[in-house]
C-alpha atoms as a PDB file:
ATOM      1  CA  MET A   1      72.599  92.949 109.175  1.00  0.00           C
ATOM      2  CA  THR A   2      73.817  95.968 107.216  1.00  0.00           C
ATOM      3  CA  ALA A   3      75.073  95.320 103.690  1.00  0.00           C
ATOM      4  CA  ARG A   4      78.738  96.092 103.250  1.00  0.00           C
ATOM      5  CA  VAL A   5      80.027  97.957 100.237  1.00  0.00           C
ATOM      6  CA  ILE A   6      83.600  97.599  99.053  1.00  0.00           C
ATOM      7  CA  LEU A   7      84.885 100.536  97.046  1.00  0.00           C
ATOM      8  CA  ASP A   8      87.274  99.828  94.202  1.00  0.00           C
ATOM      9  CA  PRO A   9      89.796 102.670  93.775  1.00  0.00           C
ATOM     10  CA  SER A  10      90.586 101.746  90.178  1.00  0.00           C
ATOM     11  CA  ALA A  11      89.537 103.984  87.311  1.00  0.00           C
ATOM     12  CA  GLU A  12      86.330 102.176  86.446  1.00  0.00           C
ATOM     13  CA  ARG A  13      83.761 104.219  84.531  1.00  0.00           C
ATOM     14  CA  SER A  14      80.837 102.400  86.107  1.00  0.00           C
ATOM     15  CA  VAL A  15      80.442 100.654  89.421  1.00  0.00           C
ATOM     16  CA  ALA A  16      81.057  96.922  89.206  1.00  0.00           C
ATOM     17  CA  GLU A  17      79.325  94.826  91.816  1.00  0.00           C
ATOM     18  CA  ARG A  18      81.326  91.909  93.096  1.00  0.00           C
ATOM     19  CA  ALA A  19      80.226  89.304  95.596  1.00  0.00           C
ATOM     20  CA  ARG A  20      82.464  88.954  98.630  1.00  0.00           C
ATOM     21  CA  LEU A  21      84.128  85.581  98.938  1.00  0.00           C
ATOM     22  CA  ALA A  22      83.582  83.628 102.127  1.00  0.00           C
ATOM     23  CA  ARG A  23      86.492  83.848 104.537  1.00  0.00           C
ATOM     24  CA  PRO A  24      88.099  80.579 105.587  1.00  0.00           C
ATOM     25  CA  ALA A  25      87.314  79.435 109.138  1.00  0.00           C
ATOM     26  CA  SER A  26      91.054  79.000 109.736  1.00  0.00           C
ATOM     27  CA  LEU A  27      94.310  79.731 107.926  1.00  0.00           C
ATOM     28  CA  GLU A  28      95.934  76.565 109.244  1.00  0.00           C
ATOM     29  CA  GLY A  29      97.182  74.470 106.309  1.00  0.00           C
ATOM     30  CA  LEU A  30      96.333  77.131 103.715  1.00  0.00           C
ATOM     31  CA  THR A  31      98.867  78.897 101.511  1.00  0.00           C
ATOM     32  CA  VAL A  32      98.778  82.641 102.113  1.00  0.00           C
ATOM     33  CA  ALA A  33     100.216  85.090  99.588  1.00  0.00           C
ATOM     34  CA  LEU A  34     101.891  88.154 101.065  1.00  0.00           C
ATOM     35  CA  LEU A  35     101.893  90.838  98.386  1.00  0.00           C
ATOM     36  CA  ASP A  36     104.329  93.710  98.839  1.00  0.00           C
ATOM     37  CA  ILE A  37     103.117  96.627  96.742  1.00  0.00           C
ATOM     38  CA  SER A  38     106.636  98.153  96.844  1.00  0.00           C
ATOM     39  CA  LYS A  39     105.908 101.057  99.184  1.00  0.00           C
ATOM     40  CA  PRO A  40     108.553 101.863 101.786  1.00  0.00           C
ATOM     41  CA  ARG A  41     108.474  99.589 104.861  1.00  0.00           C
ATOM     42  CA  GLY A  42     105.745  97.338 103.482  1.00  0.00           C
ATOM     43  CA  ASN A  43     108.215  94.476 103.712  1.00  0.00           C
ATOM     44  CA  VAL A  44     108.671  95.170 107.447  1.00  0.00           C
ATOM     45  CA  PHE A  45     104.923  94.802 107.982  1.00  0.00           C
ATOM     46  CA  LEU A  46     104.833  91.601 105.936  1.00  0.00           C
ATOM     47  CA  ASP A  47     107.792  90.137 107.866  1.00  0.00           C
ATOM     48  CA  ARG A  48     105.745  90.372 111.080  1.00  0.00           C
ATOM     49  CA  ILE A  49     102.617  88.997 109.429  1.00  0.00           C
ATOM     50  CA  GLU A  50     104.632  86.080 108.035  1.00  0.00           C
ATOM     51  CA  GLU A  51     105.897  85.196 111.525  1.00  0.00           C
ATOM     52  CA  ARG A  52     102.338  85.156 112.878  1.00  0.00           C
ATOM     53  CA  LEU A  53     100.994  83.091 109.975  1.00  0.00           C
ATOM     54  CA  ILE A  54     103.709  80.469 110.276  1.00  0.00           C
ATOM     55  CA  GLY A  55     102.986  80.346 114.001  1.00  0.00           C
ATOM     56  CA  ILE A  56      99.374  79.321 113.340  1.00  0.00           C
ATOM     57  CA  GLY A  57     100.280  76.696 110.754  1.00  0.00           C
ATOM     58  CA  ALA A  58      99.816  78.558 107.471  1.00  0.00           C
ATOM     59  CA  MET A  59     102.216  78.246 104.552  1.00  0.00           C
ATOM     60  CA  VAL A  60     103.440  81.596 103.221  1.00  0.00           C
ATOM     61  CA  LYS A  61     104.586  82.720  99.765  1.00  0.00           C
ATOM     62  CA  ARG A  62     105.981  86.213  99.184  1.00  0.00           C
ATOM     63  CA  TYR A  63     105.305  88.296  96.080  1.00  0.00           C
ATOM     64  CA  ALA A  64     106.052  91.904  95.097  1.00  0.00           C
ATOM     65  CA  LYS A  65     104.591  94.328  92.598  1.00  0.00           C
ATOM     66  CA  PRO A  66     107.166  96.133  90.447  1.00  0.00           C
ATOM     67  CA  THR A  67     105.722  99.508  91.508  1.00  0.00           C
ATOM     68  CA  PHE A  68     102.962 100.734  93.805  1.00  0.00           C
ATOM     69  CA  ALA A  69     101.811 103.215  91.152  1.00  0.00           C
ATOM     70  CA  LYS A  70     100.194 100.603  88.908  1.00  0.00           C
ATOM     71  CA  PRO A  71      98.014  97.519  89.413  1.00  0.00           C
ATOM     72  CA  ALA A  72      99.791  94.190  89.752  1.00  0.00           C
ATOM     73  CA  PRO A  73     100.643  92.688  86.354  1.00  0.00           C
ATOM     74  CA  VAL A  74      98.217  90.059  85.075  1.00  0.00           C
ATOM     75  CA  ASP A  75     100.846  87.297  85.210  1.00  0.00           C
ATOM     76  CA  LEU A  76     101.587  88.089  88.884  1.00  0.00           C
ATOM     77  CA  ARG A  77      97.873  88.044  89.766  1.00  0.00           C
ATOM     78  CA  HIS A  78      97.489  84.721  87.929  1.00  0.00           C
ATOM     79  CA  GLU A  79     100.484  83.225  89.739  1.00  0.00           C
ATOM     80  CA  ILE A  80      99.071  84.236  93.128  1.00  0.00           C
ATOM     81  CA  ALA A  81      95.576  82.978  92.262  1.00  0.00           C
ATOM     82  CA  THR A  82      96.856  79.550  91.201  1.00  0.00           C
ATOM     83  CA  GLU A  83      99.307  79.061  94.088  1.00  0.00           C
ATOM     84  CA  CYS A  84      97.480  80.520  97.097  1.00  0.00           C
ATOM     85  CA  GLN A  85      94.087  80.462  98.796  1.00  0.00           C
ATOM     86  CA  VAL A  86      94.379  83.801 100.660  1.00  0.00           C
ATOM     87  CA  VAL A  87      96.127  87.126  99.912  1.00  0.00           C
ATOM     88  CA  ILE A  88      97.348  89.809 102.311  1.00  0.00           C
ATOM     89  CA  GLU A  89      98.544  93.031 100.713  1.00  0.00           C
ATOM     90  CA  ALA A  90     100.992  95.401 102.440  1.00  0.00           C
ATOM     91  CA  LEU A  91     100.105  99.068 102.410  1.00  0.00           C
ATOM     92  CA  ALA A  92     102.721 100.958 104.399  1.00  0.00           C
ATOM     93  CA  ASP A  93     104.956 103.999 104.300  1.00  0.00           C
END
């Protein structure tokens, strides 16, 4: 199996290695965060994803970054981490 590398686009000075978390076998019964990064039409994408998630038995919570130009504020990241088990981020234009 080939090792997978995830690139972090943030302005880190040195490469930080992070272990990938195991994916859940199913989303049924889990709370999924849908994070709108505030780019145009991202909400349209997330609306469709929300419909599909509810259809398979997941609970959905919606969140939005104040602007796509900066990372999500620490308090928003904390809120998502404490309330949800999975995050889907919308990247759309």
